[in-house]
PDB file of N, CA and C in Angstrom:
ATOM      1  N   MET A   1       0.740  -1.325  -0.276  1.00  0.00           N
ATOM      2  CA  MET A   1      -0.002  -0.218  -0.097  1.00  0.00           C
ATOM      3  C   MET A   1       0.694   1.204  -0.242  1.00  0.00           C
ATOM      4  N   LYS A   2       2.228   1.775   1.003  1.00  0.00           N
ATOM      5  CA  LYS A   2       2.840   1.902   0.334  1.00  0.00           C
ATOM      6  C   LYS A   2       3.869   2.686  -0.444  1.00  0.00           C
ATOM      7  N   ILE A   3       3.962   1.767  -1.105  1.00  0.00           N
ATOM      8  CA  ILE A   3       4.729   1.751  -2.589  1.00  0.00           C
ATOM      9  C   ILE A   3       3.839   2.542  -3.113  1.00  0.00           C
ATOM     10  N   PHE A   4       2.744   1.987  -3.482  1.00  0.00           N
ATOM     11  CA  PHE A   4       1.009   2.402  -4.448  1.00  0.00           C
ATOM     12  C   PHE A   4       0.679   4.012  -3.949  1.00  0.00           C
ATOM     13  N   THR A   5       1.039   4.273  -3.054  1.00  0.00           N
ATOM     14  CA  THR A   5       0.921   6.190  -2.517  1.00  0.00           C
ATOM     15  C   THR A   5       1.660   6.684  -2.943  1.00  0.00           C
ATOM     16  N   LEU A   6       3.636   6.218  -2.590  1.00  0.00           N
ATOM     17  CA  LEU A   6       4.509   7.129  -3.492  1.00  0.00           C
ATOM     18  C   LEU A   6       4.211   6.622  -4.900  1.00  0.00           C
ATOM     19  N   VAL A   7       4.429   6.401  -5.709  1.00  0.00           N
ATOM     20  CA  VAL A   7       4.282   5.789  -7.120  1.00  0.00           C
ATOM     21  C   VAL A   7       2.724   6.876  -6.782  1.00  0.00           C
ATOM     22  N   SER A   8       1.524   6.661  -6.817  1.00  0.00           N
ATOM     23  CA  SER A   8       0.037   7.594  -7.374  1.00  0.00           C
ATOM     24  C   SER A   8       0.711   9.009  -7.174  1.00  0.00           C
ATOM     25  N   GLY A   9       1.640   9.312  -5.434  1.00  0.00           N
ATOM     26  CA  GLY A   9       2.433  10.426  -4.806  1.00  0.00           C
ATOM     27  C   GLY A   9       3.138  11.024  -6.595  1.00  0.00           C
ATOM     28  N   LEU A  10       4.175  10.747  -6.256  1.00  0.00           N
ATOM     29  CA  LEU A  10       5.312  11.043  -8.111  1.00  0.00           C
ATOM     30  C   LEU A  10       4.344  11.091  -9.420  1.00  0.00           C
ATOM     31  N   ALA A  11       3.306  10.754  -9.129  1.00  0.00           N
ATOM     32  CA  ALA A  11       2.629  10.221 -11.067  1.00  0.00           C
ATOM     33  C   ALA A  11       2.013  11.470 -10.680  1.00  0.00           C
ATOM     34  N   ILE A  12       0.745  11.639  -9.287  1.00  0.00           N
ATOM     35  CA  ILE A  12       0.442  13.209  -9.390  1.00  0.00           C
ATOM     36  C   ILE A  12       1.478  14.617  -9.506  1.00  0.00           C
ATOM     37  N   SER A  13       2.452  14.372  -8.933  1.00  0.00           N
ATOM     38  CA  SER A  13       3.478  15.761  -9.155  1.00  0.00           C
ATOM     39  C   SER A  13       4.350  15.789 -10.554  1.00  0.00           C
ATOM     40  N   ALA A  14       4.548  14.672 -10.960  1.00  0.00           N
ATOM     41  CA  ALA A  14       5.122  14.701 -12.442  1.00  0.00           C
ATOM     42  C   ALA A  14       3.793  15.318 -13.682  1.00  0.00           C
ATOM     43  N   VAL A  15       2.608  15.302 -13.073  1.00  0.00           N
ATOM     44  CA  VAL A  15       1.170  15.553 -14.423  1.00  0.00           C
ATOM     45  C   VAL A  15       1.489  17.711 -13.820  1.00  0.00           C
ATOM     46  N   ILE A  16       1.485  17.866 -12.191  1.00  0.00           N
ATOM     47  CA  ILE A  16       1.218  19.102 -11.644  1.00  0.00           C
ATOM     48  C   ILE A  16       2.253  20.081 -12.213  1.00  0.00           C
ATOM     49  N   GLY A  17       3.733  19.406 -12.601  1.00  0.00           N
ATOM     50  CA  GLY A  17       4.941  20.263 -13.059  1.00  0.00           C
ATOM     51  C   GLY A  17       5.111  19.877 -14.635  1.00  0.00           C
ATOM     52  N   MET A  18       4.201  19.478 -15.624  1.00  0.00           N
ATOM     53  CA  MET A  18       3.647  19.327 -17.119  1.00  0.00           C
ATOM     54  C   MET A  18       3.243  20.613 -16.841  1.00  0.00           C
ATOM     55  N   ALA A  19       2.181  20.545 -16.346  1.00  0.00           N
ATOM     56  CA  ALA A  19       1.467  21.691 -16.487  1.00  0.00           C
ATOM     57  C   ALA A  19       1.171  22.902 -16.290  1.00  0.00           C
ATOM     58  N   HIS A  20       2.653  23.383 -15.310  1.00  0.00           N
ATOM     59  CA  HIS A  20       3.185  24.088 -15.510  1.00  0.00           C
ATOM     60  C   HIS A  20       4.766  24.694 -16.102  1.00  0.00           C
ATOM     61  N   ALA A  21       4.949  23.896 -17.315  1.00  0.00           N
ATOM     62  CA  ALA A  21       6.119  23.862 -17.876  1.00  0.00           C
ATOM     63  C   ALA A  21       4.811  24.583 -19.440  1.00  0.00           C
ATOM     64  N   ALA A  22       6.076  24.977 -19.979  1.00  0.00           N
ATOM     65  CA  ALA A  22       5.501  25.968 -20.510  1.00  0.00           C
ATOM     66  C   ALA A  22       6.269  25.178 -22.428  1.00  0.00           C
ATOM     67  N   PRO A  23       4.481  24.932 -22.851  1.00  0.00           N
ATOM     68  CA  PRO A  23       4.766  23.830 -23.906  1.00  0.00           C
ATOM     69  C   PRO A  23       6.493  24.176 -24.753  1.00  0.00           C
ATOM     70  N   PRO A  24       6.697  23.564 -25.912  1.00  0.00           N
ATOM     71  CA  PRO A  24       8.221  23.852 -26.295  1.00  0.00           C
ATOM     72  C   PRO A  24       7.879  25.181 -27.417  1.00  0.00           C
ATOM     73  N   ALA A  25       6.738  24.839 -27.856  1.00  0.00           N
ATOM     74  CA  ALA A  25       6.732  26.212 -29.339  1.00  0.00           C
ATOM     75  C   ALA A  25       6.583  27.986 -28.602  1.00  0.00           C
ATOM     76  N   LEU A  26       6.001  27.611 -26.995  1.00  0.00           N
ATOM     77  CA  LEU A  26       5.218  29.011 -26.112  1.00  0.00           C
ATOM     78  C   LEU A  26       6.982  29.509 -25.301  1.00  0.00           C
ATOM     79  N   ALA A  27       7.871  28.643 -25.031  1.00  0.00           N
ATOM     80  CA  ALA A  27       8.638  29.144 -24.746  1.00  0.00           C
ATOM     81  C   ALA A  27       9.846  30.097 -24.821  1.00  0.00           C
ATOM     82  N   ASN A  28       9.795  30.412 -26.358  1.00  0.00           N
ATOM     83  CA  ASN A  28      10.671  31.200 -26.158  1.00  0.00           C
ATOM     84  C   ASN A  28       9.311  32.260 -27.853  1.00  0.00           C
ATOM     85  N   ASP A  29       8.681  32.819 -26.969  1.00  0.00           N
ATOM     86  CA  ASP A  29       7.134  32.885 -27.621  1.00  0.00           C
ATOM     87  C   ASP A  29       7.907  34.945 -27.992  1.00  0.00           C
ATOM     88  N   LYS A  30       8.539  35.342 -27.315  1.00  0.00           N
ATOM     89  CA  LYS A  30       9.143  36.587 -27.447  1.00  0.00           C
ATOM     90  C   LYS A  30       9.537  36.882 -28.965  1.00  0.00           C
ATOM     91  N   ALA A  31      10.316  35.850 -29.763  1.00  0.00           N
ATOM     92  CA  ALA A  31      11.153  35.691 -30.929  1.00  0.00           C
ATOM     93  C   ALA A  31       9.894  36.399 -32.338  1.00  0.00           C
ATOM     94  N   PRO A  32       9.086  35.484 -32.040  1.00  0.00           N
ATOM     95  CA  PRO A  32       7.731  35.826 -33.434  1.00  0.00           C
ATOM     96  C   PRO A  32       7.127  37.354 -33.397  1.00  0.00           C
ATOM     97  N   GLN A  33       7.122  38.225 -31.958  1.00  0.00           N
ATOM     98  CA  GLN A  33       6.977  39.172 -32.023  1.00  0.00           C
ATOM     99  C   GLN A  33       7.829  40.266 -32.474  1.00  0.00           C
ATOM    100  N   GLN A  34       9.418  39.352 -32.250  1.00  0.00           N
ATOM    101  CA  GLN A  34      10.675  40.658 -32.535  1.00  0.00           C
ATOM    102  C   GLN A  34      10.673  39.943 -33.921  1.00  0.00           C
ATOM    103  N   GLU A  35      10.050  39.402 -34.464  1.00  0.00           N
ATOM    104  CA  GLU A  35      10.360  39.173 -36.123  1.00  0.00           C
ATOM    105  C   GLU A  35       9.416  40.417 -36.658  1.00  0.00           C
ATOM    106  N   ALA A  36       8.320  40.351 -35.948  1.00  0.00           N
ATOM    107  CA  ALA A  36       6.621  40.720 -36.804  1.00  0.00           C
ATOM    108  C   ALA A  36       7.299  42.459 -37.075  1.00  0.00           C
ATOM    109  N   GLN A  37       8.257  42.431 -35.256  1.00  0.00           N
ATOM    110  CA  GLN A  37       8.208  44.717 -35.143  1.00  0.00           C
ATOM    111  C   GLN A  37       8.931  44.769 -36.632  1.00  0.00           C
ATOM    112  N   SER A  38      10.669  43.836 -36.750  1.00  0.00           N
ATOM    113  CA  SER A  38      11.610  44.324 -37.521  1.00  0.00           C
ATOM    114  C   SER A  38      11.218  43.702 -39.113  1.00  0.00           C
ATOM    115  N   VAL A  39       9.799  43.771 -39.613  1.00  0.00           N
ATOM    116  CA  VAL A  39       9.018  43.733 -41.233  1.00  0.00           C
ATOM    117  C   VAL A  39       9.085  44.773 -40.946  1.00  0.00           C
ATOM    118  N   THR A  40       9.422  44.872 -42.843  1.00  0.00           N
ATOM    119  CA  THR A  40       9.304  46.229 -43.300  1.00  0.00           C
ATOM    120  C   THR A  40       7.999  46.716 -43.440  1.00  0.00           C
ATOM    121  N   ARG A  41       7.308  47.643 -43.051  1.00  0.00           N
ATOM    122  CA  ARG A  41       5.808  48.483 -43.931  1.00  0.00           C
ATOM    123  C   ARG A  41       6.171  48.990 -45.247  1.00  0.00           C
ATOM    124  N   ALA A  42       5.064  48.256 -45.760  1.00  0.00           N
ATOM    125  CA  ALA A  42       5.048  48.933 -47.403  1.00  0.00           C
ATOM    126  C   ALA A  42       5.035  50.618 -47.074  1.00  0.00           C
ATOM    127  N   GLN A  43       5.453  51.355 -47.915  1.00  0.00           N
ATOM    128  CA  GLN A  43       4.869  52.975 -48.424  1.00  0.00           C
ATOM    129  C   GLN A  43       5.087  53.629 -49.613  1.00  0.00           C
ATOM    130  N   TYR A  44       4.228  54.401 -48.988  1.00  0.00           N
ATOM    131  CA  TYR A  44       3.947  54.658 -50.592  1.00  0.00           C
ATOM    132  C   TYR A  44       3.654  56.734 -50.336  1.00  0.00           C
ATOM    133  N   SER A  45       3.820  57.223 -51.403  1.00  0.00           N
ATOM    134  CA  SER A  45       4.648  58.691 -51.800  1.00  0.00           C
ATOM    135  C   SER A  45       3.051  59.558 -52.052  1.00  0.00           C
ATOM    136  N   GLY A  46       3.110  60.609 -51.915  1.00  0.00           N
ATOM    137  CA  GLY A  46       1.893  61.683 -52.125  1.00  0.00           C
ATOM    138  C   GLY A  46       3.024  62.347 -52.455  1.00  0.00           C
ATOM    139  N   HIS A  47       2.346  63.996 -53.145  1.00  0.00           N
ATOM    140  CA  HIS A  47       2.193  64.994 -52.848  1.00  0.00           C
ATOM    141  C   HIS A  47       1.221  65.513 -53.048  1.00  0.00           C
ATOM    142  N   GLY A  48       0.923  66.985 -52.628  1.00  0.00           N
ATOM    143  CA  GLY A  48       0.261  67.641 -52.018  1.00  0.00           C
ATOM    144  C   GLY A  48       0.319  68.690 -51.354  1.00  0.00           C
ATOM    145  N   VAL A  49      -0.947  69.787 -51.033  1.00  0.00           N
ATOM    146  CA  VAL A  49       0.019  71.140 -50.071  1.00  0.00           C
ATOM    147  C   VAL A  49      -0.478  71.556 -48.633  1.00  0.00           C
ATOM    148  N   LEU A  50       0.312  71.493 -48.060  1.00  0.00           N
ATOM    149  CA  LEU A  50      -0.327  71.308 -46.425  1.00  0.00           C
ATOM    150  C   LEU A  50      -0.825  72.201 -45.398  1.00  0.00           C
ATOM    151  N   ARG A  51      -2.287  71.972 -45.144  1.00  0.00           N
ATOM    152  CA  ARG A  51      -2.788  73.084 -44.973  1.00  0.00           C
ATOM    153  C   ARG A  51      -3.143  73.620 -43.621  1.00  0.00           C
ATOM    154  N   ALA A  52      -2.927  72.396 -43.161  1.00  0.00           N
ATOM    155  CA  ALA A  52      -2.482  73.285 -41.587  1.00  0.00           C
ATOM    156  C   ALA A  52      -1.345  71.825 -40.642  1.00  0.00           C
ATOM    157  N   VAL A  53      -1.463  73.002 -39.191  1.00  0.00           N
ATOM    158  CA  VAL A  53      -0.330  71.826 -37.900  1.00  0.00           C
ATOM    159  C   VAL A  53      -0.848  72.039 -36.606  1.00  0.00           C
ATOM    160  N   LYS A  54      -0.726  70.302 -36.330  1.00  0.00           N
ATOM    161  CA  LYS A  54      -1.103  70.036 -34.956  1.00  0.00           C
ATOM    162  C   LYS A  54       0.372  69.879 -34.188  1.00  0.00           C
ATOM    163  N   PRO A  55       0.343  69.331 -33.005  1.00  0.00           N
ATOM    164  CA  PRO A  55       0.950  68.463 -32.593  1.00  0.00           C
ATOM    165  C   PRO A  55       1.253  67.279 -33.268  1.00  0.00           C
ATOM    166  N   ASN A  56       2.330  66.636 -33.320  1.00  0.00           N
ATOM    167  CA  ASN A  56       2.329  65.347 -33.665  1.00  0.00           C
ATOM    168  C   ASN A  56       1.238  64.930 -35.320  1.00  0.00           C
ATOM    169  N   LYS A  57       1.237  65.712 -36.100  1.00  0.00           N
ATOM    170  CA  LYS A  57       0.038  66.250 -36.917  1.00  0.00           C
ATOM    171  C   LYS A  57      -0.225  66.736 -37.728  1.00  0.00           C
ATOM    172  N   VAL A  58      -0.485  66.724 -39.120  1.00  0.00           N
ATOM    173  CA  VAL A  58      -0.427  67.801 -40.568  1.00  0.00           C
ATOM    174  C   VAL A  58      -1.769  67.037 -41.000  1.00  0.00           C
ATOM    175  N   GLN A  59      -2.205  68.372 -41.626  1.00  0.00           N
ATOM    176  CA  GLN A  59      -3.583  68.177 -42.482  1.00  0.00           C
ATOM    177  C   GLN A  59      -3.096  67.861 -43.848  1.00  0.00           C
ATOM    178  N   ILE A  60      -3.172  67.567 -44.685  1.00  0.00           N
ATOM    179  CA  ILE A  60      -2.692  67.781 -46.435  1.00  0.00           C
ATOM    180  C   ILE A  60      -3.675  67.773 -46.816  1.00  0.00           C
ATOM    181  N   ALA A  61      -3.802  68.728 -48.614  1.00  0.00           N
ATOM    182  CA  ALA A  61      -4.373  68.509 -49.040  1.00  0.00           C
ATOM    183  C   ALA A  61      -3.704  67.129 -50.701  1.00  0.00           C
ATOM    184  N   HIS A  62      -3.908  66.281 -50.525  1.00  0.00           N
ATOM    185  CA  HIS A  62      -3.004  65.395 -52.035  1.00  0.00           C
ATOM    186  C   HIS A  62      -3.333  65.566 -52.392  1.00  0.00           C
ATOM    187  N   GLU A  63      -2.431  65.029 -53.567  1.00  0.00           N
ATOM    188  CA  GLU A  63      -2.923  64.935 -55.050  1.00  0.00           C
ATOM    189  C   GLU A  63      -3.776  63.599 -55.159  1.00  0.00           C
ATOM    190  N   PRO A  64      -4.409  62.041 -55.679  1.00  0.00           N
ATOM    191  CA  PRO A  64      -4.310  61.297 -55.635  1.00  0.00           C
ATOM    192  C   PRO A  64      -3.351  60.086 -55.868  1.00  0.00           C
ATOM    193  N   ILE A  65      -3.013  59.688 -55.087  1.00  0.00           N
ATOM    194  CA  ILE A  65      -2.416  58.396 -54.080  1.00  0.00           C
ATOM    195  C   ILE A  65      -2.744  56.923 -55.086  1.00  0.00           C
ATOM    196  N   ALA A  66      -2.875  56.876 -56.156  1.00  0.00           N
ATOM    197  CA  ALA A  66      -2.651  55.538 -57.695  1.00  0.00           C
ATOM    198  C   ALA A  66      -2.331  54.362 -56.569  1.00  0.00           C
ATOM    199  N   GLU A  67      -1.188  53.710 -55.455  1.00  0.00           N
ATOM    200  CA  GLU A  67      -1.322  52.525 -55.763  1.00  0.00           C
ATOM    201  C   GLU A  67      -1.991  52.094 -53.842  1.00  0.00           C
ATOM    202  N   LEU A  68      -3.115  53.028 -53.712  1.00  0.00           N
ATOM    203  CA  LEU A  68      -3.513  53.241 -52.177  1.00  0.00           C
ATOM    204  C   LEU A  68      -5.238  53.840 -52.933  1.00  0.00           C
ATOM    205  N   GLN A  69      -5.283  53.879 -54.548  1.00  0.00           N
ATOM    206  CA  GLN A  69      -6.411  53.627 -55.237  1.00  0.00           C
ATOM    207  C   GLN A  69      -7.863  54.560 -54.187  1.00  0.00           C
ATOM    208  N   TRP A  70      -6.925  56.007 -53.591  1.00  0.00           N
ATOM    209  CA  TRP A  70      -6.825  57.099 -52.839  1.00  0.00           C
ATOM    210  C   TRP A  70      -7.564  58.554 -54.162  1.00  0.00           C
ATOM    211  N   PRO A  71      -8.781  59.474 -53.998  1.00  0.00           N
ATOM    212  CA  PRO A  71      -8.125  60.271 -54.960  1.00  0.00           C
ATOM    213  C   PRO A  71      -8.231  61.249 -54.523  1.00  0.00           C
ATOM    214  N   ALA A  72      -7.879  62.302 -54.894  1.00  0.00           N
ATOM    215  CA  ALA A  72      -7.221  63.735 -54.463  1.00  0.00           C
ATOM    216  C   ALA A  72      -8.481  64.023 -53.285  1.00  0.00           C
ATOM    217  N   MET A  73      -7.815  64.333 -51.745  1.00  0.00           N
ATOM    218  CA  MET A  73      -8.862  64.800 -50.459  1.00  0.00           C
ATOM    219  C   MET A  73      -7.889  65.139 -49.696  1.00  0.00           C
ATOM    220  N   THR A  74      -8.512  65.588 -48.794  1.00  0.00           N
ATOM    221  CA  THR A  74      -7.666  65.982 -47.551  1.00  0.00           C
ATOM    222  C   THR A  74      -7.923  65.459 -46.164  1.00  0.00           C
ATOM    223  N   MET A  75      -6.427  65.141 -45.945  1.00  0.00           N
ATOM    224  CA  MET A  75      -6.762  64.066 -44.201  1.00  0.00           C
ATOM    225  C   MET A  75      -6.013  64.582 -43.905  1.00  0.00           C
ATOM    226  N   TRP A  76      -6.074  64.638 -42.334  1.00  0.00           N
ATOM    227  CA  TRP A  76      -4.754  64.906 -40.890  1.00  0.00           C
ATOM    228  C   TRP A  76      -4.224  63.173 -41.142  1.00  0.00           C
ATOM    229  N   PHE A  77      -3.293  63.917 -41.100  1.00  0.00           N
ATOM    230  CA  PHE A  77      -1.701  61.891 -40.884  1.00  0.00           C
ATOM    231  C   PHE A  77      -0.668  62.562 -39.162  1.00  0.00           C
ATOM    232  N   VAL A  78      -0.552  60.945 -38.646  1.00  0.00           N
ATOM    233  CA  VAL A  78       0.510  61.535 -37.931  1.00  0.00           C
ATOM    234  C   VAL A  78       1.742  61.721 -38.220  1.00  0.00           C
ATOM    235  N   LEU A  79       2.339  62.640 -37.439  1.00  0.00           N
ATOM    236  CA  LEU A  79       3.881  62.605 -38.188  1.00  0.00           C
ATOM    237  C   LEU A  79       5.368  61.388 -37.523  1.00  0.00           C
ATOM    238  N   GLN A  80       5.719  60.705 -37.595  1.00  0.00           N
ATOM    239  CA  GLN A  80       6.777  60.242 -37.077  1.00  0.00           C
ATOM    240  C   GLN A  80       7.978  60.545 -36.251  1.00  0.00           C
ATOM    241  N   GLY A  81       7.711  61.832 -36.936  1.00  0.00           N
ATOM    242  CA  GLY A  81       9.170  62.844 -36.026  1.00  0.00           C
ATOM    243  C   GLY A  81       8.562  64.568 -36.405  1.00  0.00           C
ATOM    244  N   PRO A  82       9.885  64.820 -36.330  1.00  0.00           N
ATOM    245  CA  PRO A  82       9.419  66.020 -36.175  1.00  0.00           C
ATOM    246  C   PRO A  82       8.853  67.232 -37.468  1.00  0.00           C
ATOM    247  N   LEU A  83       8.777  68.365 -37.587  1.00  0.00           N
ATOM    248  CA  LEU A  83       7.538  68.771 -38.937  1.00  0.00           C
ATOM    249  C   LEU A  83       9.465  69.328 -39.020  1.00  0.00           C
ATOM    250  N   PRO A  84       9.865  69.549 -40.311  1.00  0.00           N
ATOM    251  CA  PRO A  84      11.374  70.093 -40.463  1.00  0.00           C
ATOM    252  C   PRO A  84      10.878  71.663 -40.614  1.00  0.00           C
ATOM    253  N   GLY A  85      12.125  71.950 -40.274  1.00  0.00           N
ATOM    254  CA  GLY A  85      11.787  73.285 -40.040  1.00  0.00           C
ATOM    255  C   GLY A  85      11.207  73.996 -41.310  1.00  0.00           C
ATOM    256  N   GLU A  86      11.943  73.971 -42.027  1.00  0.00           N
ATOM    257  CA  GLU A  86      11.112  74.527 -43.842  1.00  0.00           C
ATOM    258  C   GLU A  86      10.038  74.478 -44.319  1.00  0.00           C
ATOM    259  N   VAL A  87       9.763  73.448 -43.592  1.00  0.00           N
ATOM    260  CA  VAL A  87       8.082  72.832 -43.852  1.00  0.00           C
ATOM    261  C   VAL A  87       7.231  74.670 -43.416  1.00  0.00           C
ATOM    262  N   LYS A  88       6.204  74.658 -44.462  1.00  0.00           N
ATOM    263  CA  LYS A  88       5.039  75.647 -43.590  1.00  0.00           C
ATOM    264  C   LYS A  88       3.780  75.563 -43.829  1.00  0.00           C
ATOM    265  N   VAL A  89       2.650  75.271 -43.751  1.00  0.00           N
ATOM    266  CA  VAL A  89       1.722  75.845 -43.301  1.00  0.00           C
ATOM    267  C   VAL A  89       1.308  77.182 -45.104  1.00  0.00           C
ATOM    268  N   GLY A  90       0.775  75.934 -46.221  1.00  0.00           N
ATOM    269  CA  GLY A  90       0.381  76.062 -47.429  1.00  0.00           C
ATOM    270  C   GLY A  90       1.763  76.299 -48.293  1.00  0.00           C
ATOM    271  N   ASP A  91       2.732  75.411 -47.746  1.00  0.00           N
ATOM    272  CA  ASP A  91       3.962  74.589 -48.921  1.00  0.00           C
ATOM    273  C   ASP A  91       3.327  73.191 -49.513  1.00  0.00           C
ATOM    274  N   ASN A  92       3.559  73.303 -50.704  1.00  0.00           N
ATOM    275  CA  ASN A  92       3.848  72.178 -51.370  1.00  0.00           C
ATOM    276  C   ASN A  92       4.866  70.827 -51.031  1.00  0.00           C
ATOM    277  N   VAL A  93       4.249  69.854 -51.148  1.00  0.00           N
ATOM    278  CA  VAL A  93       4.482  69.122 -49.608  1.00  0.00           C
ATOM    279  C   VAL A  93       4.623  68.161 -50.604  1.00  0.00           C
ATOM    280  N   ARG A  94       6.122  66.885 -50.355  1.00  0.00           N
ATOM    281  CA  ARG A  94       6.514  66.106 -50.622  1.00  0.00           C
ATOM    282  C   ARG A  94       5.623  64.719 -49.677  1.00  0.00           C
ATOM    283  N   PHE A  95       5.708  63.813 -49.680  1.00  0.00           N
ATOM    284  CA  PHE A  95       5.591  62.553 -48.017  1.00  0.00           C
ATOM    285  C   PHE A  95       6.017  61.318 -48.803  1.00  0.00           C
ATOM    286  N   VAL A  96       6.266  60.655 -47.703  1.00  0.00           N
ATOM    287  CA  VAL A  96       5.998  59.216 -47.261  1.00  0.00           C
ATOM    288  C   VAL A  96       5.236  58.763 -46.299  1.00  0.00           C
ATOM    289  N   LEU A  97       4.865  57.792 -46.371  1.00  0.00           N
ATOM    290  CA  LEU A  97       3.490  57.186 -45.568  1.00  0.00           C
ATOM    291  C   LEU A  97       3.814  55.671 -45.251  1.00  0.00           C
ATOM    292  N   GLU A  98       2.954  55.080 -44.051  1.00  0.00           N
ATOM    293  CA  GLU A  98       3.343  53.681 -43.703  1.00  0.00           C
ATOM    294  C   GLU A  98       1.682  53.730 -42.841  1.00  0.00           C
ATOM    295  N   GLN A  99       0.974  52.316 -43.036  1.00  0.00           N
ATOM    296  CA  GLN A  99      -0.157  52.383 -42.365  1.00  0.00           C
ATOM    297  C   GLN A  99       0.366  52.068 -40.827  1.00  0.00           C
ATOM    298  N   THR A 100      -0.164  52.309 -40.049  1.00  0.00           N
ATOM    299  CA  THR A 100       0.378  51.298 -38.891  1.00  0.00           C
ATOM    300  C   THR A 100      -0.582  50.755 -38.062  1.00  0.00           C
ATOM    301  N   ARG A 101      -2.081  51.149 -38.804  1.00  0.00           N
ATOM    302  CA  ARG A 101      -3.797  50.039 -37.930  1.00  0.00           C
ATOM    303  C   ARG A 101      -4.647  50.649 -38.539  1.00  0.00           C
ATOM    304  N   PRO A 102      -4.883  50.442 -39.027  1.00  0.00           N
ATOM    305  CA  PRO A 102      -6.169  50.105 -39.903  1.00  0.00           C
ATOM    306  C   PRO A 102      -6.547  51.416 -40.323  1.00  0.00           C
ATOM    307  N   GLU A 103      -6.767  52.313 -39.582  1.00  0.00           N
ATOM    308  CA  GLU A 103      -7.787  53.761 -39.490  1.00  0.00           C
ATOM    309  C   GLU A 103      -6.654  54.664 -39.176  1.00  0.00           C
ATOM    310  N   GLU A 104      -5.199  54.295 -39.205  1.00  0.00           N
ATOM    311  CA  GLU A 104      -3.961  55.708 -39.357  1.00  0.00           C
ATOM    312  C   GLU A 104      -3.171  54.731 -40.080  1.00  0.00           C
ATOM    313  N   TRP A 105      -2.300  55.995 -40.422  1.00  0.00           N
ATOM    314  CA  TRP A 105      -1.599  56.271 -42.095  1.00  0.00           C
ATOM    315  C   TRP A 105      -0.513  57.387 -41.130  1.00  0.00           C
ATOM    316  N   VAL A 106       0.744  57.126 -40.564  1.00  0.00           N
ATOM    317  CA  VAL A 106       2.208  58.227 -40.614  1.00  0.00           C
ATOM    318  C   VAL A 106       2.779  58.764 -41.500  1.00  0.00           C
ATOM    319  N   ILE A 107       3.177  59.461 -41.583  1.00  0.00           N
ATOM    320  CA  ILE A 107       3.880  60.368 -42.144  1.00  0.00           C
ATOM    321  C   ILE A 107       5.546  60.345 -41.620  1.00  0.00           C
ATOM    322  N   THR A 108       6.526  59.049 -42.796  1.00  0.00           N
ATOM    323  CA  THR A 108       7.368  58.938 -42.015  1.00  0.00           C
ATOM    324  C   THR A 108       8.770  60.095 -42.645  1.00  0.00           C
ATOM    325  N   ARG A 109       8.726  60.575 -43.740  1.00  0.00           N
ATOM    326  CA  ARG A 109       9.320  61.546 -44.492  1.00  0.00           C
ATOM    327  C   ARG A 109       8.383  62.918 -44.809  1.00  0.00           C
ATOM    328  N   ILE A 110       8.819  63.937 -44.696  1.00  0.00           N
ATOM    329  CA  ILE A 110       8.715  65.158 -45.398  1.00  0.00           C
ATOM    330  C   ILE A 110       9.207  65.607 -45.144  1.00  0.00           C
ATOM    331  N   GLU A 111       8.787  66.923 -46.989  1.00  0.00           N
ATOM    332  CA  GLU A 111       9.558  67.883 -47.185  1.00  0.00           C
ATOM    333  C   GLU A 111       9.053  69.005 -48.217  1.00  0.00           C
ATOM    334  N   ARG A 112       9.560  70.043 -48.369  1.00  0.00           N
ATOM    335  CA  ARG A 112       8.795  71.260 -48.767  1.00  0.00           C
ATOM    336  C   ARG A 112       9.334  70.269 -51.158  1.00  0.00           C
ATOM    337  N   LYS A 113       8.097  70.289 -51.380  1.00  0.00           N
ATOM    338  CA  LYS A 113       8.226  71.069 -53.192  1.00  0.00           C
ATOM    339  C   LYS A 113       9.214  71.522 -53.682  1.00  0.00           C
ATOM    340  N   HIS A 114      10.296  72.214 -53.921  1.00  0.00           N
ATOM    341  CA  HIS A 114      10.855  72.941 -54.628  1.00  0.00           C
ATOM    342  C   HIS A 114      10.360  73.014 -55.994  1.00  0.00           C
TER     343      HIS A 114
END
């Protein structure tokens, strides 16, 4: 009887220990997230007129962007970095943007069109 109790106790301990161990596929679950972050997002170029500036945002009346099947329109965009000092409201601009979320487009580069 003591041997049965001992073996049963060891078996239960082993099962509990396996339940707390991470499955091999999840043991290093940060690697897929890091790989996803390092994937390059698609970038799109546009041209337009800078209409307004708010902290971290700009409003641009842009020409059609064929790659995105967008007609000409006026939109607000988030800025990835600061607006270059030489770019002012009313300037013709050239910009590069990326989609970061379903309804969010971020300008990664903007410059005055000469």
